[in-house]
């Protein structure tokens, strides 16, 4: 008699945060969804803190900007640079997980891997 497949838990699910420094909407996360959705995202907005950053629905995330960093760190906020995506350091600081993975907002999944994962996911569900 066949047994139903056992769901596979994502590796390091409770031990990993993903930090993303950004200046733009995070539409690029749609192509990373099969890989990143199970994880907690820490998004650190670079640049103008009054600009709204859109995150696709379905992701577990915290969004910080320069105003949040100033409020949280007070006079020590100047240690977090907002040049060359160095604001990701704040994401490392606020993470409570054992491991932190970081990715830039202009990194895209290889089209081969993306299409393969979509094809393969049909057979896993």
PDB file of N, CA and C in Angstrom:
ATOM      1  N   UNK A   1       0.837  -1.167   0.000  1.00  0.00           N
ATOM      2  CA  UNK A   1       0.000   0.000   0.000  1.00  0.00           C
ATOM      3  C   UNK A   1       0.895   1.247   0.000  1.00  0.00           C
ATOM      4  N   UNK A   2       0.599   2.179  -0.872  1.00  0.00           N
ATOM      5  CA  UNK A   2       1.396   3.401  -0.997  1.00  0.00           C
ATOM      6  C   UNK A   2       1.081   4.358   0.147  1.00  0.00           C
ATOM      7  N   UNK A   3       2.106   4.964   0.646  1.00  0.00           N
ATOM      8  CA  UNK A   3       1.956   5.970   1.701  1.00  0.00           C
ATOM      9  C   UNK A   3       2.014   7.354   1.067  1.00  0.00           C
ATOM     10  N   UNK A   4       1.242   8.298   1.610  1.00  0.00           N
ATOM     11  CA  UNK A   4       1.329   9.659   1.062  1.00  0.00           C
ATOM     12  C   UNK A   4       2.728  10.219   1.294  1.00  0.00           C
ATOM     13  N   UNK A   5       3.203  11.037   0.374  1.00  0.00           N
ATOM     14  CA  UNK A   5       4.549  11.588   0.545  1.00  0.00           C
ATOM     15  C   UNK A   5       4.637  12.456   1.796  1.00  0.00           C
ATOM     16  N   UNK A   6       5.758  12.371   2.463  1.00  0.00           N
ATOM     17  CA  UNK A   6       6.002  13.191   3.645  1.00  0.00           C
ATOM     18  C   UNK A   6       6.493  14.560   3.193  1.00  0.00           C
ATOM     19  N   UNK A   7       5.850  15.632   3.660  1.00  0.00           N
ATOM     20  CA  UNK A   7       6.317  16.962   3.260  1.00  0.00           C
ATOM     21  C   UNK A   7       7.760  17.178   3.698  1.00  0.00           C
ATOM     22  N   UNK A   8       8.526  17.783   2.838  1.00  0.00           N
ATOM     23  CA  UNK A   8       9.931  18.059   3.131  1.00  0.00           C
ATOM     24  C   UNK A   8      10.036  19.478   3.679  1.00  0.00           C
ATOM     25  N   UNK A   9      10.612  19.588   4.859  1.00  0.00           N
ATOM     26  CA  UNK A   9      10.810  20.904   5.461  1.00  0.00           C
ATOM     27  C   UNK A   9      12.025  21.562   4.809  1.00  0.00           C
ATOM     28  N   UNK A  10      11.940  22.853   4.502  1.00  0.00           N
ATOM     29  CA  UNK A  10      13.093  23.529   3.904  1.00  0.00           C
ATOM     30  C   UNK A  10      14.296  23.471   4.840  1.00  0.00           C
ATOM     31  N   UNK A  11      15.487  23.323   4.293  1.00  0.00           N
ATOM     32  CA  UNK A  11      16.682  23.270   5.140  1.00  0.00           C
ATOM     33  C   UNK A  11      16.843  24.558   5.948  1.00  0.00           C
ATOM     34  N   UNK A  12      17.209  24.420   7.185  1.00  0.00           N
ATOM     35  CA  UNK A  12      17.498  25.546   8.082  1.00  0.00           C
ATOM     36  C   UNK A  12      16.327  26.512   8.259  1.00  0.00           C
ATOM     37  N   UNK A  13      15.109  26.042   8.079  1.00  0.00           N
ATOM     38  CA  UNK A  13      13.939  26.924   8.101  1.00  0.00           C
ATOM     39  C   UNK A  13      13.887  27.814   9.341  1.00  0.00           C
ATOM     40  N   UNK A  14      14.172  27.272  10.489  1.00  0.00           N
ATOM     41  CA  UNK A  14      14.091  28.050  11.727  1.00  0.00           C
ATOM     42  C   UNK A  14      15.427  28.651  12.142  1.00  0.00           C
ATOM     43  N   UNK A  15      16.436  28.517  11.281  1.00  0.00           N
ATOM     44  CA  UNK A  15      17.771  28.993  11.636  1.00  0.00           C
ATOM     45  C   UNK A  15      18.329  30.026  10.665  1.00  0.00           C
ATOM     46  N   UNK A  16      17.549  30.423   9.652  1.00  0.00           N
ATOM     47  CA  UNK A  16      18.083  31.267   8.583  1.00  0.00           C
ATOM     48  C   UNK A  16      17.196  32.478   8.312  1.00  0.00           C
ATOM     49  N   UNK A  17      17.808  33.652   8.257  1.00  0.00           N
ATOM     50  CA  UNK A  17      17.163  34.872   7.778  1.00  0.00           C
ATOM     51  C   UNK A  17      17.803  35.240   6.446  1.00  0.00           C
ATOM     52  N   UNK A  18      17.020  35.884   5.583  1.00  0.00           N
ATOM     53  CA  UNK A  18      17.536  36.386   4.314  1.00  0.00           C
ATOM     54  C   UNK A  18      17.478  37.910   4.371  1.00  0.00           C
ATOM     55  N   UNK A  19      18.638  38.553   4.210  1.00  0.00           N
ATOM     56  CA  UNK A  19      18.740  40.010   4.266  1.00  0.00           C
ATOM     57  C   UNK A  19      18.848  40.557   2.843  1.00  0.00           C
ATOM     58  N   UNK A  20      18.005  41.566   2.555  1.00  0.00           N
ATOM     59  CA  UNK A  20      17.991  42.169   1.223  1.00  0.00           C
ATOM     60  C   UNK A  20      18.068  43.688   1.359  1.00  0.00           C
ATOM     61  N   UNK A  21      19.197  44.297   0.953  1.00  0.00           N
ATOM     62  CA  UNK A  21      19.235  45.757   0.880  1.00  0.00           C
ATOM     63  C   UNK A  21      18.566  46.175  -0.428  1.00  0.00           C
ATOM     64  N   UNK A  22      17.799  47.264  -0.419  1.00  0.00           N
ATOM     65  CA  UNK A  22      17.087  47.616  -1.646  1.00  0.00           C
ATOM     66  C   UNK A  22      16.811  49.105  -1.764  1.00  0.00           C
ATOM     67  N   UNK A  23      16.669  49.545  -3.011  1.00  0.00           N
ATOM     68  CA  UNK A  23      16.219  50.903  -3.308  1.00  0.00           C
ATOM     69  C   UNK A  23      14.959  50.857  -4.167  1.00  0.00           C
ATOM     70  N   UNK A  24      14.474  49.653  -4.466  1.00  0.00           N
ATOM     71  CA  UNK A  24      13.354  49.518  -5.406  1.00  0.00           C
ATOM     72  C   UNK A  24      12.340  48.502  -4.913  1.00  0.00           C
ATOM     73  N   UNK A  25      11.206  48.437  -5.590  1.00  0.00           N
ATOM     74  CA  UNK A  25      10.209  47.412  -5.289  1.00  0.00           C
ATOM     75  C   UNK A  25      10.827  46.037  -5.485  1.00  0.00           C
ATOM     76  N   UNK A  26      10.335  45.071  -4.740  1.00  0.00           N
ATOM     77  CA  UNK A  26      10.957  43.751  -4.734  1.00  0.00           C
ATOM     78  C   UNK A  26      10.215  42.736  -5.604  1.00  0.00           C
ATOM     79  N   UNK A  27       9.823  43.162  -6.793  1.00  0.00           N
ATOM     80  CA  UNK A  27       9.164  42.250  -7.728  1.00  0.00           C
ATOM     81  C   UNK A  27      10.057  41.065  -8.085  1.00  0.00           C
ATOM     82  N   UNK A  28      11.377  41.247  -8.006  1.00  0.00           N
ATOM     83  CA  UNK A  28      12.306  40.168  -8.329  1.00  0.00           C
ATOM     84  C   UNK A  28      12.103  38.949  -7.423  1.00  0.00           C
ATOM     85  N   UNK A  29      11.461  39.154  -6.259  1.00  0.00           N
ATOM     86  CA  UNK A  29      11.224  38.031  -5.343  1.00  0.00           C
ATOM     87  C   UNK A  29      10.286  36.985  -5.936  1.00  0.00           C
ATOM     88  N   UNK A  30       9.477  37.355  -6.909  1.00  0.00           N
ATOM     89  CA  UNK A  30       8.568  36.372  -7.519  1.00  0.00           C
ATOM     90  C   UNK A  30       9.344  35.201  -8.103  1.00  0.00           C
ATOM     91  N   UNK A  31      10.474  35.483  -8.755  1.00  0.00           N
ATOM     92  CA  UNK A  31      11.236  34.373  -9.335  1.00  0.00           C
ATOM     93  C   UNK A  31      11.995  33.578  -8.262  1.00  0.00           C
ATOM     94  N   UNK A  32      12.209  34.177  -7.112  1.00  0.00           N
ATOM     95  CA  UNK A  32      12.877  33.486  -6.007  1.00  0.00           C
ATOM     96  C   UNK A  32      11.874  32.806  -5.066  1.00  0.00           C
ATOM     97  N   UNK A  33      10.579  33.006  -5.297  1.00  0.00           N
ATOM     98  CA  UNK A  33       9.546  32.501  -4.390  1.00  0.00           C
ATOM     99  C   UNK A  33       9.723  31.022  -4.030  1.00  0.00           C
ATOM    100  N   UNK A  34       9.967  30.121  -5.001  1.00  0.00           N
ATOM    101  CA  UNK A  34      10.093  28.701  -4.627  1.00  0.00           C
ATOM    102  C   UNK A  34      11.227  28.438  -3.634  1.00  0.00           C
ATOM    103  N   UNK A  35      12.218  29.325  -3.624  1.00  0.00           N
ATOM    104  CA  UNK A  35      13.378  29.133  -2.759  1.00  0.00           C
ATOM    105  C   UNK A  35      13.277  29.928  -1.457  1.00  0.00           C
ATOM    106  N   UNK A  36      12.731  31.151  -1.504  1.00  0.00           N
ATOM    107  CA  UNK A  36      12.765  32.069  -0.365  1.00  0.00           C
ATOM    108  C   UNK A  36      11.495  32.126   0.466  1.00  0.00           C
ATOM    109  N   UNK A  37      10.365  31.719  -0.075  1.00  0.00           N
ATOM    110  CA  UNK A  37       9.106  31.911   0.649  1.00  0.00           C
ATOM    111  C   UNK A  37       9.080  31.261   2.035  1.00  0.00           C
ATOM    112  N   UNK A  38       9.712  30.117   2.247  1.00  0.00           N
ATOM    113  CA  UNK A  38       9.650  29.520   3.593  1.00  0.00           C
ATOM    114  C   UNK A  38      10.446  30.285   4.657  1.00  0.00           C
ATOM    115  N   UNK A  39      11.271  31.243   4.234  1.00  0.00           N
ATOM    116  CA  UNK A  39      12.185  31.902   5.161  1.00  0.00           C
ATOM    117  C   UNK A  39      11.726  33.315   5.521  1.00  0.00           C
ATOM    118  N   UNK A  40      12.253  33.807   6.623  1.00  0.00           N
ATOM    119  CA  UNK A  40      11.986  35.174   7.077  1.00  0.00           C
ATOM    120  C   UNK A  40      12.941  36.124   6.349  1.00  0.00           C
ATOM    121  N   UNK A  41      12.394  37.204   5.790  1.00  0.00           N
ATOM    122  CA  UNK A  41      13.201  38.196   5.088  1.00  0.00           C
ATOM    123  C   UNK A  41      13.372  39.438   5.956  1.00  0.00           C
ATOM    124  N   UNK A  42      14.570  39.966   5.955  1.00  0.00           N
ATOM    125  CA  UNK A  42      14.840  41.260   6.580  1.00  0.00           C
ATOM    126  C   UNK A  42      15.240  42.189   5.440  1.00  0.00           C
ATOM    127  N   UNK A  43      14.382  43.158   5.156  1.00  0.00           N
ATOM    128  CA  UNK A  43      14.592  44.068   4.039  1.00  0.00           C
ATOM    129  C   UNK A  43      15.036  45.407   4.605  1.00  0.00           C
ATOM    130  N   UNK A  44      16.170  45.906   4.108  1.00  0.00           N
ATOM    131  CA  UNK A  44      16.700  47.182   4.572  1.00  0.00           C
ATOM    132  C   UNK A  44      16.671  48.150   3.393  1.00  0.00           C
ATOM    133  N   UNK A  45      15.830  49.154   3.513  1.00  0.00           N
ATOM    134  CA  UNK A  45      15.659  50.129   2.438  1.00  0.00           C
ATOM    135  C   UNK A  45      16.794  51.133   2.448  1.00  0.00           C
ATOM    136  N   UNK A  46      17.468  51.229   1.328  1.00  0.00           N
ATOM    137  CA  UNK A  46      18.534  52.195   1.126  1.00  0.00           C
ATOM    138  C   UNK A  46      17.909  53.449   0.516  1.00  0.00           C
ATOM    139  N   UNK A  47      18.450  54.602   0.780  1.00  0.00           N
ATOM    140  CA  UNK A  47      17.946  55.814   0.133  1.00  0.00           C
ATOM    141  C   UNK A  47      16.803  56.472   0.877  1.00  0.00           C
ATOM    142  N   UNK A  48      15.917  57.095   0.121  1.00  0.00           N
ATOM    143  CA  UNK A  48      14.826  57.917   0.645  1.00  0.00           C
ATOM    144  C   UNK A  48      13.852  57.098   1.493  1.00  0.00           C
ATOM    145  N   UNK A  49      13.780  57.362   2.808  1.00  0.00           N
ATOM    146  CA  UNK A  49      12.893  56.575   3.672  1.00  0.00           C
ATOM    147  C   UNK A  49      11.407  56.875   3.470  1.00  0.00           C
ATOM    148  N   UNK A  50      11.088  57.942   2.723  1.00  0.00           N
ATOM    149  CA  UNK A  50       9.671  58.242   2.479  1.00  0.00           C
ATOM    150  C   UNK A  50       9.124  57.471   1.280  1.00  0.00           C
ATOM    151  N   UNK A  51      10.018  56.879   0.502  1.00  0.00           N
ATOM    152  CA  UNK A  51       9.587  56.095  -0.657  1.00  0.00           C
ATOM    153  C   UNK A  51       9.008  54.762  -0.171  1.00  0.00           C
ATOM    154  N   UNK A  52       7.896  54.349  -0.755  1.00  0.00           N
ATOM    155  CA  UNK A  52       7.270  53.080  -0.387  1.00  0.00           C
ATOM    156  C   UNK A  52       7.902  51.948  -1.186  1.00  0.00           C
ATOM    157  N   UNK A  53       8.316  50.913  -0.486  1.00  0.00           N
ATOM    158  CA  UNK A  53       8.873  49.716  -1.119  1.00  0.00           C
ATOM    159  C   UNK A  53       7.792  48.645  -1.112  1.00  0.00           C
ATOM    160  N   UNK A  54       7.474  48.105  -2.287  1.00  0.00           N
ATOM    161  CA  UNK A  54       6.448  47.067  -2.394  1.00  0.00           C
ATOM    162  C   UNK A  54       7.099  45.689  -2.339  1.00  0.00           C
ATOM    163  N   UNK A  55       6.552  44.852  -1.462  1.00  0.00           N
ATOM    164  CA  UNK A  55       7.000  43.466  -1.324  1.00  0.00           C
ATOM    165  C   UNK A  55       5.838  42.579  -1.769  1.00  0.00           C
ATOM    166  N   UNK A  56       6.075  41.609  -2.654  1.00  0.00           N
ATOM    167  CA  UNK A  56       4.980  40.735  -3.085  1.00  0.00           C
ATOM    168  C   UNK A  56       4.315  40.035  -1.896  1.00  0.00           C
ATOM    169  N   UNK A  57       3.024  39.792  -2.015  1.00  0.00           N
ATOM    170  CA  UNK A  57       2.269  39.091  -0.969  1.00  0.00           C
ATOM    171  C   UNK A  57       2.831  37.693  -0.736  1.00  0.00           C
ATOM    172  N   UNK A  58       2.664  37.222   0.492  1.00  0.00           N
ATOM    173  CA  UNK A  58       3.013  35.844   0.814  1.00  0.00           C
ATOM    174  C   UNK A  58       4.376  35.644   1.432  1.00  0.00           C
ATOM    175  N   UNK A  59       5.150  36.714   1.583  1.00  0.00           N
ATOM    176  CA  UNK A  59       6.463  36.596   2.212  1.00  0.00           C
ATOM    177  C   UNK A  59       6.382  37.077   3.655  1.00  0.00           C
ATOM    178  N   UNK A  60       7.130  36.404   4.534  1.00  0.00           N
ATOM    179  CA  UNK A  60       7.255  36.812   5.931  1.00  0.00           C
ATOM    180  C   UNK A  60       8.456  37.756   5.995  1.00  0.00           C
ATOM    181  N   UNK A  61       8.232  39.021   6.327  1.00  0.00           N
ATOM    182  CA  UNK A  61       9.343  39.969   6.279  1.00  0.00           C
ATOM    183  C   UNK A  61       9.198  41.092   7.300  1.00  0.00           C
ATOM    184  N   UNK A  62      10.345  41.719   7.567  1.00  0.00           N
ATOM    185  CA  UNK A  62      10.426  42.978   8.301  1.00  0.00           C
ATOM    186  C   UNK A  62      11.075  43.965   7.344  1.00  0.00           C
ATOM    187  N   UNK A  63      10.588  45.197   7.323  1.00  0.00           N
ATOM    188  CA  UNK A  63      11.145  46.233   6.454  1.00  0.00           C
ATOM    189  C   UNK A  63      11.654  47.380   7.315  1.00  0.00           C
ATOM    190  N   UNK A  64      12.930  47.713   7.156  1.00  0.00           N
ATOM    191  CA  UNK A  64      13.549  48.805   7.903  1.00  0.00           C
ATOM    192  C   UNK A  64      14.038  49.868   6.926  1.00  0.00           C
ATOM    193  N   UNK A  65      14.014  51.133   7.353  1.00  0.00           N
ATOM    194  CA  UNK A  65      14.612  52.205   6.564  1.00  0.00           C
ATOM    195  C   UNK A  65      15.502  53.046   7.483  1.00  0.00           C
ATOM    196  N   UNK A  66      16.063  54.121   6.939  1.00  0.00           N
ATOM    197  CA  UNK A  66      16.993  54.949   7.714  1.00  0.00           C
ATOM    198  C   UNK A  66      16.344  55.484   8.991  1.00  0.00           C
ATOM    199  N   UNK A  67      15.070  55.841   8.945  1.00  0.00           N
ATOM    200  CA  UNK A  67      14.388  56.337  10.148  1.00  0.00           C
ATOM    201  C   UNK A  67      14.349  55.271  11.240  1.00  0.00           C
ATOM    202  N   UNK A  68      14.093  54.026  10.855  1.00  0.00           N
ATOM    203  CA  UNK A  68      14.077  52.927  11.835  1.00  0.00           C
ATOM    204  C   UNK A  68      15.459  52.724  12.441  1.00  0.00           C
ATOM    205  N   UNK A  69      16.473  52.781  11.595  1.00  0.00           N
ATOM    206  CA  UNK A  69      17.844  52.586  12.076  1.00  0.00           C
ATOM    207  C   UNK A  69      18.221  53.697  13.055  1.00  0.00           C
ATOM    208  N   UNK A  70      17.867  54.937  12.729  1.00  0.00           N
ATOM    209  CA  UNK A  70      18.145  56.054  13.647  1.00  0.00           C
ATOM    210  C   UNK A  70      17.425  55.862  14.975  1.00  0.00           C
ATOM    211  N   UNK A  71      16.175  55.419  14.915  1.00  0.00           N
ATOM    212  CA  UNK A  71      15.384  55.213  16.135  1.00  0.00           C
ATOM    213  C   UNK A  71      15.968  54.080  16.980  1.00  0.00           C
ATOM    214  N   UNK A  72      16.352  52.990  16.344  1.00  0.00           N
ATOM    215  CA  UNK A  72      16.825  51.807  17.073  1.00  0.00           C
ATOM    216  C   UNK A  72      18.243  51.996  17.609  1.00  0.00           C
ATOM    217  N   UNK A  73      19.119  52.582  16.800  1.00  0.00           N
ATOM    218  CA  UNK A  73      20.522  52.693  17.198  1.00  0.00           C
ATOM    219  C   UNK A  73      20.883  54.031  17.839  1.00  0.00           C
ATOM    220  N   UNK A  74      20.008  55.022  17.693  1.00  0.00           N
ATOM    221  CA  UNK A  74      20.301  56.328  18.284  1.00  0.00           C
ATOM    222  C   UNK A  74      21.591  56.911  17.744  1.00  0.00           C
ATOM    223  N   UNK A  75      22.453  57.431  18.640  1.00  0.00           N
ATOM    224  CA  UNK A  75      23.681  58.086  18.182  1.00  0.00           C
ATOM    225  C   UNK A  75      24.652  57.147  17.460  1.00  0.00           C
ATOM    226  N   UNK A  76      24.473  55.857  17.599  1.00  0.00           N
ATOM    227  CA  UNK A  76      25.368  54.905  16.930  1.00  0.00           C
ATOM    228  C   UNK A  76      24.907  54.571  15.507  1.00  0.00           C
ATOM    229  N   UNK A  77      23.803  55.178  15.059  1.00  0.00           N
ATOM    230  CA  UNK A  77      23.247  54.872  13.736  1.00  0.00           C
ATOM    231  C   UNK A  77      24.213  55.190  12.603  1.00  0.00           C
ATOM    232  N   UNK A  78      25.121  56.122  12.827  1.00  0.00           N
ATOM    233  CA  UNK A  78      26.058  56.495  11.760  1.00  0.00           C
ATOM    234  C   UNK A  78      27.020  55.362  11.402  1.00  0.00           C
ATOM    235  N   UNK A  79      27.093  54.335  12.229  1.00  0.00           N
ATOM    236  CA  UNK A  79      27.969  53.200  11.909  1.00  0.00           C
ATOM    237  C   UNK A  79      27.389  52.345  10.771  1.00  0.00           C
ATOM    238  N   UNK A  80      26.115  52.547  10.434  1.00  0.00           N
ATOM    239  CA  UNK A  80      25.489  51.816   9.329  1.00  0.00           C
ATOM    240  C   UNK A  80      25.554  52.699   8.092  1.00  0.00           C
ATOM    241  N   UNK A  81      26.417  52.347   7.179  1.00  0.00           N
ATOM    242  CA  UNK A  81      26.590  53.116   5.951  1.00  0.00           C
ATOM    243  C   UNK A  81      25.435  52.855   4.991  1.00  0.00           C
ATOM    244  N   UNK A  82      25.035  53.877   4.274  1.00  0.00           N
ATOM    245  CA  UNK A  82      24.000  53.729   3.258  1.00  0.00           C
ATOM    246  C   UNK A  82      24.610  53.952   1.881  1.00  0.00           C
ATOM    247  N   UNK A  83      25.788  53.383   1.675  1.00  0.00           N
ATOM    248  CA  UNK A  83      26.462  53.457   0.379  1.00  0.00           C
ATOM    249  C   UNK A  83      26.819  52.036  -0.041  1.00  0.00           C
ATOM    250  N   UNK A  84      26.642  51.745  -1.309  1.00  0.00           N
ATOM    251  CA  UNK A  84      27.024  50.444  -1.873  1.00  0.00           C
ATOM    252  C   UNK A  84      26.358  49.268  -1.158  1.00  0.00           C
ATOM    253  N   UNK A  85      25.108  49.397  -0.817  1.00  0.00           N
ATOM    254  CA  UNK A  85      24.319  48.333  -0.172  1.00  0.00           C
ATOM    255  C   UNK A  85      24.873  47.904   1.181  1.00  0.00           C
ATOM    256  N   UNK A  86      25.720  48.716   1.780  1.00  0.00           N
ATOM    257  CA  UNK A  86      26.277  48.376   3.089  1.00  0.00           C
ATOM    258  C   UNK A  86      25.219  48.433   4.182  1.00  0.00           C
ATOM    259  N   UNK A  87      24.036  48.972   3.869  1.00  0.00           N
ATOM    260  CA  UNK A  87      22.959  49.002   4.864  1.00  0.00           C
ATOM    261  C   UNK A  87      22.528  47.588   5.251  1.00  0.00           C
ATOM    262  N   UNK A  88      22.949  46.588   4.463  1.00  0.00           N
ATOM    263  CA  UNK A  88      22.642  45.198   4.813  1.00  0.00           C
ATOM    264  C   UNK A  88      23.202  44.843   6.190  1.00  0.00           C
ATOM    265  N   UNK A  89      24.235  45.567   6.623  1.00  0.00           N
ATOM    266  CA  UNK A  89      24.827  45.302   7.944  1.00  0.00           C
ATOM    267  C   UNK A  89      23.786  45.429   9.049  1.00  0.00           C
ATOM    268  N   UNK A  90      22.833  46.340   8.878  1.00  0.00           N
ATOM    269  CA  UNK A  90      21.772  46.474   9.873  1.00  0.00           C
ATOM    270  C   UNK A  90      20.927  45.203   9.912  1.00  0.00           C
ATOM    271  N   UNK A  91      20.687  44.605   8.770  1.00  0.00           N
ATOM    272  CA  UNK A  91      19.954  43.335   8.725  1.00  0.00           C
ATOM    273  C   UNK A  91      20.677  42.250   9.499  1.00  0.00           C
ATOM    274  N   UNK A  92      21.994  42.216   9.375  1.00  0.00           N
ATOM    275  CA  UNK A  92      22.780  41.247  10.149  1.00  0.00           C
ATOM    276  C   UNK A  92      22.619  41.519  11.642  1.00  0.00           C
ATOM    277  N   UNK A  93      22.590  42.793  11.992  1.00  0.00           N
ATOM    278  CA  UNK A  93      22.492  43.198  13.396  1.00  0.00           C
ATOM    279  C   UNK A  93      21.159  42.793  14.022  1.00  0.00           C
ATOM    280  N   UNK A  94      20.050  42.960  13.298  1.00  0.00           N
ATOM    281  CA  UNK A  94      18.736  42.680  13.887  1.00  0.00           C
ATOM    282  C   UNK A  94      18.305  41.221  13.751  1.00  0.00           C
ATOM    283  N   UNK A  95      18.989  40.452  12.929  1.00  0.00           N
ATOM    284  CA  UNK A  95      18.629  39.038  12.795  1.00  0.00           C
ATOM    285  C   UNK A  95      18.851  38.310  14.118  1.00  0.00           C
ATOM    286  N   UNK A  96      17.943  37.416  14.415  1.00  0.00           N
ATOM    287  CA  UNK A  96      18.065  36.602  15.626  1.00  0.00           C
ATOM    288  C   UNK A  96      18.361  35.144  15.274  1.00  0.00           C
ATOM    289  N   UNK A  97      18.666  34.902  14.026  1.00  0.00           N
ATOM    290  CA  UNK A  97      18.885  33.536  13.559  1.00  0.00           C
ATOM    291  C   UNK A  97      20.372  33.179  13.589  1.00  0.00           C
ATOM    292  N   UNK A  98      20.643  31.895  13.530  1.00  0.00           N
ATOM    293  CA  UNK A  98      22.014  31.399  13.554  1.00  0.00           C
ATOM    294  C   UNK A  98      22.746  31.731  12.252  1.00  0.00           C
ATOM    295  N   UNK A  99      22.022  31.691  11.127  1.00  0.00           N
ATOM    296  CA  UNK A  99      22.615  31.934   9.816  1.00  0.00           C
ATOM    297  C   UNK A  99      21.905  33.091   9.125  1.00  0.00           C
ATOM    298  N   UNK A 100      22.669  33.856   8.359  1.00  0.00           N
ATOM    299  CA  UNK A 100      22.110  34.954   7.573  1.00  0.00           C
ATOM    300  C   UNK A 100      22.628  34.812   6.147  1.00  0.00           C
ATOM    301  N   UNK A 101      21.693  34.824   5.209  1.00  0.00           N
ATOM    302  CA  UNK A 101      22.007  34.801   3.783  1.00  0.00           C
ATOM    303  C   UNK A 101      21.644  36.176   3.252  1.00  0.00           C
ATOM    304  N   UNK A 102      22.431  36.717   2.353  1.00  0.00           N
ATOM    305  CA  UNK A 102      22.095  38.016   1.789  1.00  0.00           C
ATOM    306  C   UNK A 102      22.121  37.949   0.274  1.00  0.00           C
ATOM    307  N   UNK A 103      21.260  38.752  -0.329  1.00  0.00           N
ATOM    308  CA  UNK A 103      21.166  38.804  -1.788  1.00  0.00           C
ATOM    309  C   UNK A 103      20.784  40.225  -2.173  1.00  0.00           C
ATOM    310  N   UNK A 104      21.302  40.688  -3.301  1.00  0.00           N
ATOM    311  CA  UNK A 104      20.949  42.017  -3.789  1.00  0.00           C
ATOM    312  C   UNK A 104      19.658  41.961  -4.586  1.00  0.00           C
ATOM    313  N   UNK A 105      19.011  43.126  -4.693  1.00  0.00           N
ATOM    314  CA  UNK A 105      17.716  43.183  -5.374  1.00  0.00           C
ATOM    315  C   UNK A 105      17.822  43.133  -6.897  1.00  0.00           C
ATOM    316  N   UNK A 106      19.032  43.001  -7.413  1.00  0.00           N
ATOM    317  CA  UNK A 106      19.202  42.867  -8.858  1.00  0.00           C
ATOM    318  C   UNK A 106      19.794  41.510  -9.240  1.00  0.00           C
ATOM    319  N   UNK A 107      19.654  40.533  -8.356  1.00  0.00           N
ATOM    320  CA  UNK A 107      20.099  39.161  -8.632  1.00  0.00           C
ATOM    321  C   UNK A 107      18.895  38.340  -9.077  1.00  0.00           C
ATOM    322  N   UNK A 108      19.041  37.678 -10.187  1.00  0.00           N
ATOM    323  CA  UNK A 108      17.924  36.937 -10.754  1.00  0.00           C
ATOM    324  C   UNK A 108      18.256  35.462 -10.875  1.00  0.00           C
ATOM    325  N   UNK A 109      17.228  34.638 -10.814  1.00  0.00           N
ATOM    326  CA  UNK A 109      17.377  33.194 -10.948  1.00  0.00           C
ATOM    327  C   UNK A 109      17.654  32.882 -12.412  1.00  0.00           C
ATOM    328  N   UNK A 110      18.570  31.967 -12.659  1.00  0.00           N
ATOM    329  CA  UNK A 110      18.813  31.500 -14.022  1.00  0.00           C
ATOM    330  C   UNK A 110      17.498  31.011 -14.606  1.00  0.00           C
ATOM    331  N   UNK A 111      17.208  31.366 -15.832  1.00  0.00           N
ATOM    332  CA  UNK A 111      15.930  30.952 -16.431  1.00  0.00           C
ATOM    333  C   UNK A 111      15.826  29.429 -16.488  1.00  0.00           C
ATOM    334  N   UNK A 112      16.946  28.738 -16.672  1.00  0.00           N
ATOM    335  CA  UNK A 112      16.917  27.275 -16.690  1.00  0.00           C
ATOM    336  C   UNK A 112      16.480  26.739 -15.327  1.00  0.00           C
ATOM    337  N   UNK A 113      17.086  27.220 -14.268  1.00  0.00           N
ATOM    338  CA  UNK A 113      16.754  26.762 -12.915  1.00  0.00           C
ATOM    339  C   UNK A 113      15.319  27.138 -12.569  1.00  0.00           C
ATOM    340  N   UNK A 114      14.916  28.357 -12.916  1.00  0.00           N
ATOM    341  CA  UNK A 114      13.566  28.819 -12.615  1.00  0.00           C
ATOM    342  C   UNK A 114      12.526  27.924 -13.285  1.00  0.00           C
ATOM    343  N   UNK A 115      12.680  27.655 -14.561  1.00  0.00           N
ATOM    344  CA  UNK A 115      11.705  26.818 -15.270  1.00  0.00           C
ATOM    345  C   UNK A 115      11.758  25.368 -14.786  1.00  0.00           C
ATOM    346  N   UNK A 116      12.948  24.878 -14.474  1.00  0.00           N
ATOM    347  CA  UNK A 116      13.077  23.521 -13.949  1.00  0.00           C
ATOM    348  C   UNK A 116      12.357  23.397 -12.609  1.00  0.00           C
ATOM    349  N   UNK A 117      12.510  24.395 -11.728  1.00  0.00           N
ATOM    350  CA  UNK A 117      11.862  24.318 -10.409  1.00  0.00           C
ATOM    351  C   UNK A 117      10.348  24.372 -10.547  1.00  0.00           C
ATOM    352  N   UNK A 118       9.839  25.171 -11.482  1.00  0.00           N
ATOM    353  CA  UNK A 118       8.391  25.213 -11.700  1.00  0.00           C
ATOM    354  C   UNK A 118       7.888  23.877 -12.220  1.00  0.00           C
ATOM    355  N   UNK A 119       8.607  23.287 -13.167  1.00  0.00           N
ATOM    356  CA  UNK A 119       8.230  21.994 -13.727  1.00  0.00           C
ATOM    357  C   UNK A 119       8.264  20.917 -12.643  1.00  0.00           C
ATOM    358  N   UNK A 120       9.344  20.911 -11.858  1.00  0.00           N
ATOM    359  CA  UNK A 120       9.525  19.894 -10.833  1.00  0.00           C
ATOM    360  C   UNK A 120       8.489  20.030  -9.717  1.00  0.00           C
ATOM    361  N   UNK A 121       8.102  21.272  -9.379  1.00  0.00           N
ATOM    362  CA  UNK A 121       7.151  21.486  -8.283  1.00  0.00           C
ATOM    363  C   UNK A 121       5.788  20.872  -8.582  1.00  0.00           C
ATOM    364  N   UNK A 122       5.452  20.702  -9.844  1.00  0.00           N
ATOM    365  CA  UNK A 122       4.179  20.069 -10.219  1.00  0.00           C
ATOM    366  C   UNK A 122       4.136  18.638  -9.696  1.00  0.00           C
ATOM    367  N   UNK A 123       5.276  17.962  -9.695  1.00  0.00           N
ATOM    368  CA  UNK A 123       5.324  16.567  -9.277  1.00  0.00           C
ATOM    369  C   UNK A 123       5.493  16.397  -7.773  1.00  0.00           C
ATOM    370  N   UNK A 124       5.933  17.437  -7.083  1.00  0.00           N
ATOM    371  CA  UNK A 124       6.098  17.349  -5.628  1.00  0.00           C
ATOM    372  C   UNK A 124       4.770  17.563  -4.930  1.00  0.00           C
ATOM    373  N   UNK A 125       3.971  18.501  -5.424  1.00  0.00           N
ATOM    374  CA  UNK A 125       2.674  18.786  -4.803  1.00  0.00           C
ATOM    375  C   UNK A 125       1.776  17.611  -5.031  1.00  0.00           C
TER     376      UNK A 125
END
